[in-house]
Structure formats: structure tokens, C-alpha cells
């Protein structure tokens, strides 16, 4: 199974992605054969800072779980209003 095929299962989830020129925490919006769309989160303010389109073959590492990811999910969830 190719990495992009696996990433399709994790669309709209928070994760850490490292690619050829950087690495950031954020939310995977779209995973396609040619590129992925990734909304980067500023971990200090927990707000989206930018949207990055990454050429799929340049992805080096993806972390879907772990302590840092759980912290980001918890902090983003705490900002959602219950109205």
C-alpha cells in the first residue's frame, strides 16, 4: 500500500507531517496522488497559520498519534464553543 492511499483514511485528522523542506503539526485536508493539502497549526496559539500543498513524493514522515498530537486535539477541542 502506498503512503498516499493510507493518508486518504486520515483526511480531516490532526497529525505531524515532515516533508523535504520542513515539518509541521496540522490537519490533513486532502490526500491525492499528486499532492496533499495540509492546514498548519501554530502550536503556541492553536490557530491555523497557513495552508500548504505538498507534492506527495516529498513526504518523509507522518505521525498520527502520540502525546503531542493528543495535546493539540485537546487544545483545539477546548476552543470549540458548546453553543
PDB file of N, CA and C in Angstrom:
ATOM      1  N   UNK A   1       0.847  -1.169   0.000  1.00  0.00           N
ATOM      2  CA  UNK A   1       0.000   0.000   0.000  1.00  0.00           C
ATOM      3  C   UNK A   1       0.901   1.244   0.000  1.00  0.00           C
ATOM      4  N   UNK A   2       0.545   2.200  -0.790  1.00  0.00           N
ATOM      5  CA  UNK A   2       1.302   3.450  -0.873  1.00  0.00           C
ATOM      6  C   UNK A   2       0.906   4.393   0.255  1.00  0.00           C
ATOM      7  N   UNK A   3       1.812   5.286   0.618  1.00  0.00           N
ATOM      8  CA  UNK A   3       1.566   6.237   1.701  1.00  0.00           C
ATOM      9  C   UNK A   3       0.345   7.103   1.420  1.00  0.00           C
ATOM     10  N   UNK A   4       0.186   7.564   0.203  1.00  0.00           N
ATOM     11  CA  UNK A   4      -0.951   8.424  -0.137  1.00  0.00           C
ATOM     12  C   UNK A   4      -2.267   7.682   0.038  1.00  0.00           C
ATOM     13  N   UNK A   5      -2.298   6.415  -0.311  1.00  0.00           N
ATOM     14  CA  UNK A   5      -3.517   5.618  -0.124  1.00  0.00           C
ATOM     15  C   UNK A   5      -3.866   5.518   1.355  1.00  0.00           C
ATOM     16  N   UNK A   6      -2.870   5.344   2.191  1.00  0.00           N
ATOM     17  CA  UNK A   6      -3.097   5.265   3.632  1.00  0.00           C
ATOM     18  C   UNK A   6      -3.534   6.620   4.192  1.00  0.00           C
ATOM     19  N   UNK A   7      -2.946   7.702   3.692  1.00  0.00           N
ATOM     20  CA  UNK A   7      -3.314   9.034   4.170  1.00  0.00           C
ATOM     21  C   UNK A   7      -4.766   9.382   3.852  1.00  0.00           C
ATOM     22  N   UNK A   8      -5.314   8.822   2.773  1.00  0.00           N
ATOM     23  CA  UNK A   8      -6.730   9.049   2.439  1.00  0.00           C
ATOM     24  C   UNK A   8      -7.626   8.666   3.615  1.00  0.00           C
ATOM     25  N   UNK A   9      -7.238   7.639   4.370  1.00  0.00           N
ATOM     26  CA  UNK A   9      -8.024   7.184   5.511  1.00  0.00           C
ATOM     27  C   UNK A   9      -7.991   8.184   6.670  1.00  0.00           C
ATOM     28  N   UNK A  10      -7.007   9.070   6.674  1.00  0.00           N
ATOM     29  CA  UNK A  10      -6.820  10.002   7.785  1.00  0.00           C
ATOM     30  C   UNK A  10      -7.137  11.450   7.427  1.00  0.00           C
ATOM     31  N   UNK A  11      -7.873  11.675   6.338  1.00  0.00           N
ATOM     32  CA  UNK A  11      -8.270  13.040   5.993  1.00  0.00           C
ATOM     33  C   UNK A  11      -9.110  13.628   7.129  1.00  0.00           C
ATOM     34  N   UNK A  12      -8.963  14.932   7.357  1.00  0.00           N
ATOM     35  CA  UNK A  12      -9.651  15.688   8.409  1.00  0.00           C
ATOM     36  C   UNK A  12      -9.220  15.282   9.812  1.00  0.00           C
ATOM     37  N   UNK A  13      -8.002  14.788   9.962  1.00  0.00           N
ATOM     38  CA  UNK A  13      -7.468  14.455  11.274  1.00  0.00           C
ATOM     39  C   UNK A  13      -6.174  15.226  11.504  1.00  0.00           C
ATOM     40  N   UNK A  14      -5.843  15.409  12.785  1.00  0.00           N
ATOM     41  CA  UNK A  14      -4.627  16.129  13.159  1.00  0.00           C
ATOM     42  C   UNK A  14      -3.442  15.171  13.159  1.00  0.00           C
ATOM     43  N   UNK A  15      -2.281  15.688  12.735  1.00  0.00           N
ATOM     44  CA  UNK A  15      -1.086  14.861  12.649  1.00  0.00           C
ATOM     45  C   UNK A  15       0.148  15.739  12.500  1.00  0.00           C
ATOM     46  N   UNK A  16       1.296  15.103  12.542  1.00  0.00           N
ATOM     47  CA  UNK A  16       2.561  15.764  12.240  1.00  0.00           C
ATOM     48  C   UNK A  16       3.067  15.200  10.923  1.00  0.00           C
ATOM     49  N   UNK A  17       3.437  16.079  10.016  1.00  0.00           N
ATOM     50  CA  UNK A  17       3.993  15.642   8.731  1.00  0.00           C
ATOM     51  C   UNK A  17       5.348  16.305   8.532  1.00  0.00           C
ATOM     52  N   UNK A  18       6.340  15.488   8.180  1.00  0.00           N
ATOM     53  CA  UNK A  18       7.658  16.011   7.816  1.00  0.00           C
ATOM     54  C   UNK A  18       7.835  15.749   6.328  1.00  0.00           C
ATOM     55  N   UNK A  19       8.227  16.801   5.608  1.00  0.00           N
ATOM     56  CA  UNK A  19       8.481  16.675   4.183  1.00  0.00           C
ATOM     57  C   UNK A  19       9.874  17.204   3.893  1.00  0.00           C
ATOM     58  N   UNK A  20      10.262  17.215   2.640  1.00  0.00           N
ATOM     59  CA  UNK A  20      11.650  17.501   2.250  1.00  0.00           C
ATOM     60  C   UNK A  20      12.177  18.829   2.790  1.00  0.00           C
ATOM     61  N   UNK A  21      11.350  19.842   2.903  1.00  0.00           N
ATOM     62  CA  UNK A  21      11.842  21.164   3.315  1.00  0.00           C
ATOM     63  C   UNK A  21      11.303  21.629   4.656  1.00  0.00           C
ATOM     64  N   UNK A  22      10.580  20.797   5.377  1.00  0.00           N
ATOM     65  CA  UNK A  22      10.047  21.223   6.669  1.00  0.00           C
ATOM     66  C   UNK A  22       9.229  20.142   7.328  1.00  0.00           C
ATOM     67  N   UNK A  23       8.599  20.528   8.415  1.00  0.00           N
ATOM     68  CA  UNK A  23       7.740  19.619   9.145  1.00  0.00           C
ATOM     69  C   UNK A  23       6.861  20.416  10.086  1.00  0.00           C
ATOM     70  N   UNK A  24       5.580  20.099  10.165  1.00  0.00           N
ATOM     71  CA  UNK A  24       4.640  20.875  10.964  1.00  0.00           C
ATOM     72  C   UNK A  24       3.528  19.997  11.510  1.00  0.00           C
ATOM     73  N   UNK A  25       2.882  20.488  12.572  1.00  0.00           N
ATOM     74  CA  UNK A  25       1.650  19.899  13.069  1.00  0.00           C
ATOM     75  C   UNK A  25       0.498  20.568  12.344  1.00  0.00           C
ATOM     76  N   UNK A  26      -0.565  19.807  12.122  1.00  0.00           N
ATOM     77  CA  UNK A  26      -1.714  20.404  11.471  1.00  0.00           C
ATOM     78  C   UNK A  26      -2.795  19.384  11.183  1.00  0.00           C
ATOM     79  N   UNK A  27      -3.689  19.782  10.280  1.00  0.00           N
ATOM     80  CA  UNK A  27      -4.831  18.956   9.911  1.00  0.00           C
ATOM     81  C   UNK A  27      -4.742  18.623   8.426  1.00  0.00           C
ATOM     82  N   UNK A  28      -4.818  17.339   8.121  1.00  0.00           N
ATOM     83  CA  UNK A  28      -4.798  16.883   6.733  1.00  0.00           C
ATOM     84  C   UNK A  28      -6.174  17.134   6.131  1.00  0.00           C
ATOM     85  N   UNK A  29      -6.229  17.958   5.104  1.00  0.00           N
ATOM     86  CA  UNK A  29      -7.499  18.288   4.468  1.00  0.00           C
ATOM     87  C   UNK A  29      -7.785  17.364   3.294  1.00  0.00           C
ATOM     88  N   UNK A  30      -6.761  17.112   2.469  1.00  0.00           N
ATOM     89  CA  UNK A  30      -6.952  16.316   1.255  1.00  0.00           C
ATOM     90  C   UNK A  30      -5.679  15.544   0.963  1.00  0.00           C
ATOM     91  N   UNK A  31      -5.814  14.298   0.562  1.00  0.00           N
ATOM     92  CA  UNK A  31      -4.673  13.483   0.137  1.00  0.00           C
ATOM     93  C   UNK A  31      -4.967  12.936  -1.251  1.00  0.00           C
ATOM     94  N   UNK A  32      -4.181  13.359  -2.227  1.00  0.00           N
ATOM     95  CA  UNK A  32      -4.360  12.901  -3.600  1.00  0.00           C
ATOM     96  C   UNK A  32      -3.067  12.323  -4.144  1.00  0.00           C
ATOM     97  N   UNK A  33      -3.127  11.801  -5.335  1.00  0.00           N
ATOM     98  CA  UNK A  33      -1.955  11.181  -5.957  1.00  0.00           C
ATOM     99  C   UNK A  33      -0.826  12.179  -6.193  1.00  0.00           C
ATOM    100  N   UNK A  34      -1.172  13.409  -6.548  1.00  0.00           N
ATOM    101  CA  UNK A  34      -0.168  14.404  -6.900  1.00  0.00           C
ATOM    102  C   UNK A  34       0.274  15.248  -5.707  1.00  0.00           C
ATOM    103  N   UNK A  35      -0.644  15.602  -4.821  1.00  0.00           N
ATOM    104  CA  UNK A  35      -0.309  16.463  -3.695  1.00  0.00           C
ATOM    105  C   UNK A  35      -1.245  16.202  -2.525  1.00  0.00           C
ATOM    106  N   UNK A  36      -0.865  16.725  -1.354  1.00  0.00           N
ATOM    107  CA  UNK A  36      -1.765  16.729  -0.212  1.00  0.00           C
ATOM    108  C   UNK A  36      -1.956  18.182   0.218  1.00  0.00           C
ATOM    109  N   UNK A  37      -3.130  18.476   0.759  1.00  0.00           N
ATOM    110  CA  UNK A  37      -3.417  19.798   1.302  1.00  0.00           C
ATOM    111  C   UNK A  37      -3.401  19.678   2.819  1.00  0.00           C
ATOM    112  N   UNK A  38      -2.612  20.519   3.469  1.00  0.00           N
ATOM    113  CA  UNK A  38      -2.350  20.402   4.898  1.00  0.00           C
ATOM    114  C   UNK A  38      -2.469  21.779   5.533  1.00  0.00           C
ATOM    115  N   UNK A  39      -3.374  21.922   6.512  1.00  0.00           N
ATOM    116  CA  UNK A  39      -3.522  23.179   7.236  1.00  0.00           C
ATOM    117  C   UNK A  39      -2.595  23.153   8.447  1.00  0.00           C
ATOM    118  N   UNK A  40      -1.608  24.020   8.453  1.00  0.00           N
ATOM    119  CA  UNK A  40      -0.608  24.079   9.515  1.00  0.00           C
ATOM    120  C   UNK A  40      -1.183  24.814  10.722  1.00  0.00           C
ATOM    121  N   UNK A  41      -0.925  24.265  11.922  1.00  0.00           N
ATOM    122  CA  UNK A  41      -1.380  24.876  13.172  1.00  0.00           C
ATOM    123  C   UNK A  41      -0.173  25.473  13.887  1.00  0.00           C
ATOM    124  N   UNK A  42      -0.316  26.713  14.332  1.00  0.00           N
ATOM    125  CA  UNK A  42       0.688  27.334  15.188  1.00  0.00           C
ATOM    126  C   UNK A  42       0.486  26.753  16.577  1.00  0.00           C
ATOM    127  N   UNK A  43       1.443  25.985  17.087  1.00  0.00           N
ATOM    128  CA  UNK A  43       1.260  25.278  18.353  1.00  0.00           C
ATOM    129  C   UNK A  43       1.220  26.210  19.557  1.00  0.00           C
ATOM    130  N   UNK A  44       1.646  27.450  19.408  1.00  0.00           N
ATOM    131  CA  UNK A  44       1.576  28.403  20.514  1.00  0.00           C
ATOM    132  C   UNK A  44       0.176  28.986  20.668  1.00  0.00           C
ATOM    133  N   UNK A  45      -0.473  29.312  19.538  1.00  0.00           N
ATOM    134  CA  UNK A  45      -1.799  29.931  19.587  1.00  0.00           C
ATOM    135  C   UNK A  45      -2.925  28.948  19.275  1.00  0.00           C
ATOM    136  N   UNK A  46      -2.586  27.759  18.766  1.00  0.00           N
ATOM    137  CA  UNK A  46      -3.552  26.738  18.358  1.00  0.00           C
ATOM    138  C   UNK A  46      -4.512  27.244  17.274  1.00  0.00           C
ATOM    139  N   UNK A  47      -4.011  28.114  16.410  1.00  0.00           N
ATOM    140  CA  UNK A  47      -4.796  28.615  15.285  1.00  0.00           C
ATOM    141  C   UNK A  47      -4.092  28.217  13.995  1.00  0.00           C
ATOM    142  N   UNK A  48      -4.887  28.063  12.933  1.00  0.00           N
ATOM    143  CA  UNK A  48      -4.301  27.722  11.639  1.00  0.00           C
ATOM    144  C   UNK A  48      -3.470  28.899  11.148  1.00  0.00           C
ATOM    145  N   UNK A  49      -2.229  28.629  10.775  1.00  0.00           N
ATOM    146  CA  UNK A  49      -1.357  29.709  10.337  1.00  0.00           C
ATOM    147  C   UNK A  49      -1.202  29.766   8.821  1.00  0.00           C
ATOM    148  N   UNK A  50      -1.342  28.618   8.158  1.00  0.00           N
ATOM    149  CA  UNK A  50      -1.217  28.597   6.706  1.00  0.00           C
ATOM    150  C   UNK A  50      -1.714  27.268   6.143  1.00  0.00           C
ATOM    151  N   UNK A  51      -1.969  27.258   4.857  1.00  0.00           N
ATOM    152  CA  UNK A  51      -2.310  26.029   4.144  1.00  0.00           C
ATOM    153  C   UNK A  51      -1.151  25.700   3.219  1.00  0.00           C
ATOM    154  N   UNK A  52      -0.697  24.456   3.282  1.00  0.00           N
ATOM    155  CA  UNK A  52       0.452  24.023   2.488  1.00  0.00           C
ATOM    156  C   UNK A  52      -0.004  22.920   1.540  1.00  0.00           C
ATOM    157  N   UNK A  53       0.396  23.024   0.281  1.00  0.00           N
ATOM    158  CA  UNK A  53       0.195  21.963  -0.689  1.00  0.00           C
ATOM    159  C   UNK A  53       1.544  21.278  -0.873  1.00  0.00           C
ATOM    160  N   UNK A  54       1.622  20.003  -0.526  1.00  0.00           N
ATOM    161  CA  UNK A  54       2.880  19.272  -0.539  1.00  0.00           C
ATOM    162  C   UNK A  54       2.828  18.214  -1.628  1.00  0.00           C
ATOM    163  N   UNK A  55       3.833  18.198  -2.467  1.00  0.00           N
ATOM    164  CA  UNK A  55       3.952  17.163  -3.503  1.00  0.00           C
ATOM    165  C   UNK A  55       4.120  15.817  -2.802  1.00  0.00           C
ATOM    166  N   UNK A  56       3.244  14.887  -3.065  1.00  0.00           N
ATOM    167  CA  UNK A  56       3.198  13.618  -2.334  1.00  0.00           C
ATOM    168  C   UNK A  56       4.534  12.876  -2.222  1.00  0.00           C
ATOM    169  N   UNK A  57       5.351  12.791  -3.277  1.00  0.00           N
ATOM    170  CA  UNK A  57       6.625  12.060  -3.142  1.00  0.00           C
ATOM    171  C   UNK A  57       7.625  12.716  -2.176  1.00  0.00           C
ATOM    172  N   UNK A  58       7.390  13.962  -1.759  1.00  0.00           N
ATOM    173  CA  UNK A  58       8.316  14.646  -0.855  1.00  0.00           C
ATOM    174  C   UNK A  58       8.041  14.363   0.612  1.00  0.00           C
ATOM    175  N   UNK A  59       6.956  13.652   0.928  1.00  0.00           N
ATOM    176  CA  UNK A  59       6.620  13.361   2.317  1.00  0.00           C
ATOM    177  C   UNK A  59       7.586  12.308   2.855  1.00  0.00           C
ATOM    178  N   UNK A  60       8.206  12.626   3.988  1.00  0.00           N
ATOM    179  CA  UNK A  60       9.192  11.737   4.582  1.00  0.00           C
ATOM    180  C   UNK A  60       8.667  10.997   5.801  1.00  0.00           C
ATOM    181  N   UNK A  61       7.795  11.658   6.582  1.00  0.00           N
ATOM    182  CA  UNK A  61       7.335  11.068   7.847  1.00  0.00           C
ATOM    183  C   UNK A  61       5.945  11.598   8.175  1.00  0.00           C
ATOM    184  N   UNK A  62       5.122  10.721   8.744  1.00  0.00           N
ATOM    185  CA  UNK A  62       3.795  11.109   9.217  1.00  0.00           C
ATOM    186  C   UNK A  62       3.593  10.493  10.596  1.00  0.00           C
ATOM    187  N   UNK A  63       3.225  11.325  11.575  1.00  0.00           N
ATOM    188  CA  UNK A  63       2.900  10.844  12.920  1.00  0.00           C
ATOM    189  C   UNK A  63       1.435  11.162  13.175  1.00  0.00           C
ATOM    190  N   UNK A  64       0.647  10.108  13.373  1.00  0.00           N
ATOM    191  CA  UNK A  64      -0.800  10.272  13.516  1.00  0.00           C
ATOM    192  C   UNK A  64      -1.219  10.257  14.984  1.00  0.00           C
ATOM    193  N   UNK A  65      -0.484   9.581  15.825  1.00  0.00           N
ATOM    194  CA  UNK A  65      -0.801   9.513  17.248  1.00  0.00           C
ATOM    195  C   UNK A  65       0.383   9.947  18.076  1.00  0.00           C
ATOM    196  N   UNK A  66       0.192   9.925  19.378  1.00  0.00           N
ATOM    197  CA  UNK A  66       1.264  10.289  20.288  1.00  0.00           C
ATOM    198  C   UNK A  66       0.854  11.429  21.197  1.00  0.00           C
ATOM    199  N   UNK A  67       1.712  11.736  22.146  1.00  0.00           N
ATOM    200  CA  UNK A  67       1.420  12.741  23.161  1.00  0.00           C
ATOM    201  C   UNK A  67       1.178  14.120  22.561  1.00  0.00           C
ATOM    202  N   UNK A  68       2.056  14.561  21.652  1.00  0.00           N
ATOM    203  CA  UNK A  68       1.910  15.896  21.068  1.00  0.00           C
ATOM    204  C   UNK A  68       0.626  16.035  20.270  1.00  0.00           C
ATOM    205  N   UNK A  69       0.271  15.004  19.513  1.00  0.00           N
ATOM    206  CA  UNK A  69      -0.961  15.048  18.719  1.00  0.00           C
ATOM    207  C   UNK A  69      -2.168  15.097  19.644  1.00  0.00           C
ATOM    208  N   UNK A  70      -2.155  14.308  20.709  1.00  0.00           N
ATOM    209  CA  UNK A  70      -3.269  14.298  21.668  1.00  0.00           C
ATOM    210  C   UNK A  70      -3.421  15.666  22.328  1.00  0.00           C
ATOM    211  N   UNK A  71      -2.304  16.321  22.629  1.00  0.00           N
ATOM    212  CA  UNK A  71      -2.354  17.659  23.236  1.00  0.00           C
ATOM    213  C   UNK A  71      -2.979  18.662  22.280  1.00  0.00           C
ATOM    214  N   UNK A  72      -2.607  18.610  21.017  1.00  0.00           N
ATOM    215  CA  UNK A  72      -3.163  19.531  20.029  1.00  0.00           C
ATOM    216  C   UNK A  72      -4.655  19.300  19.863  1.00  0.00           C
ATOM    217  N   UNK A  73      -5.077  18.042  19.760  1.00  0.00           N
ATOM    218  CA  UNK A  73      -6.502  17.732  19.632  1.00  0.00           C
ATOM    219  C   UNK A  73      -7.270  18.255  20.848  1.00  0.00           C
ATOM    220  N   UNK A  74      -6.719  18.061  22.049  1.00  0.00           N
ATOM    221  CA  UNK A  74      -7.388  18.524  23.270  1.00  0.00           C
ATOM    222  C   UNK A  74      -7.494  20.044  23.303  1.00  0.00           C
ATOM    223  N   UNK A  75      -6.443  20.739  22.934  1.00  0.00           N
ATOM    224  CA  UNK A  75      -6.476  22.200  22.969  1.00  0.00           C
ATOM    225  C   UNK A  75      -7.395  22.772  21.906  1.00  0.00           C
ATOM    226  N   UNK A  76      -7.399  22.202  20.706  1.00  0.00           N
ATOM    227  CA  UNK A  76      -8.303  22.664  19.671  1.00  0.00           C
ATOM    228  C   UNK A  76      -9.746  22.374  20.074  1.00  0.00           C
ATOM    229  N   UNK A  77      -9.992  21.202  20.653  1.00  0.00           N
ATOM    230  CA  UNK A  77     -11.344  20.842  21.083  1.00  0.00           C
ATOM    231  C   UNK A  77     -11.841  21.762  22.190  1.00  0.00           C
ATOM    232  N   UNK A  78     -10.971  22.205  23.065  1.00  0.00           N
ATOM    233  CA  UNK A  78     -11.393  23.079  24.165  1.00  0.00           C
ATOM    234  C   UNK A  78     -11.795  24.454  23.663  1.00  0.00           C
ATOM    235  N   UNK A  79     -11.370  24.819  22.468  1.00  0.00           N
ATOM    236  CA  UNK A  79     -11.731  26.119  21.891  1.00  0.00           C
ATOM    237  C   UNK A  79     -13.057  26.078  21.144  1.00  0.00           C
ATOM    238  N   UNK A  80     -13.594  24.877  20.934  1.00  0.00           N
ATOM    239  CA  UNK A  80     -14.880  24.761  20.241  1.00  0.00           C
ATOM    240  C   UNK A  80     -15.981  25.135  21.211  1.00  0.00           C
ATOM    241  N   UNK A  81     -16.822  26.071  20.804  1.00  0.00           N
ATOM    242  CA  UNK A  81     -17.899  26.509  21.705  1.00  0.00           C
ATOM    243  C   UNK A  81     -19.008  25.460  21.769  1.00  0.00           C
ATOM    244  N   UNK A  82     -19.702  25.426  22.870  1.00  0.00           N
ATOM    245  CA  UNK A  82     -20.792  24.472  23.044  1.00  0.00           C
ATOM    246  C   UNK A  82     -22.144  25.113  22.791  1.00  0.00           C
ATOM    247  N   UNK A  83     -22.158  26.263  22.111  1.00  0.00           N
ATOM    248  CA  UNK A  83     -23.420  26.951  21.820  1.00  0.00           C
ATOM    249  C   UNK A  83     -24.254  26.181  20.836  1.00  0.00           C
TER     250      UNK A  83
END
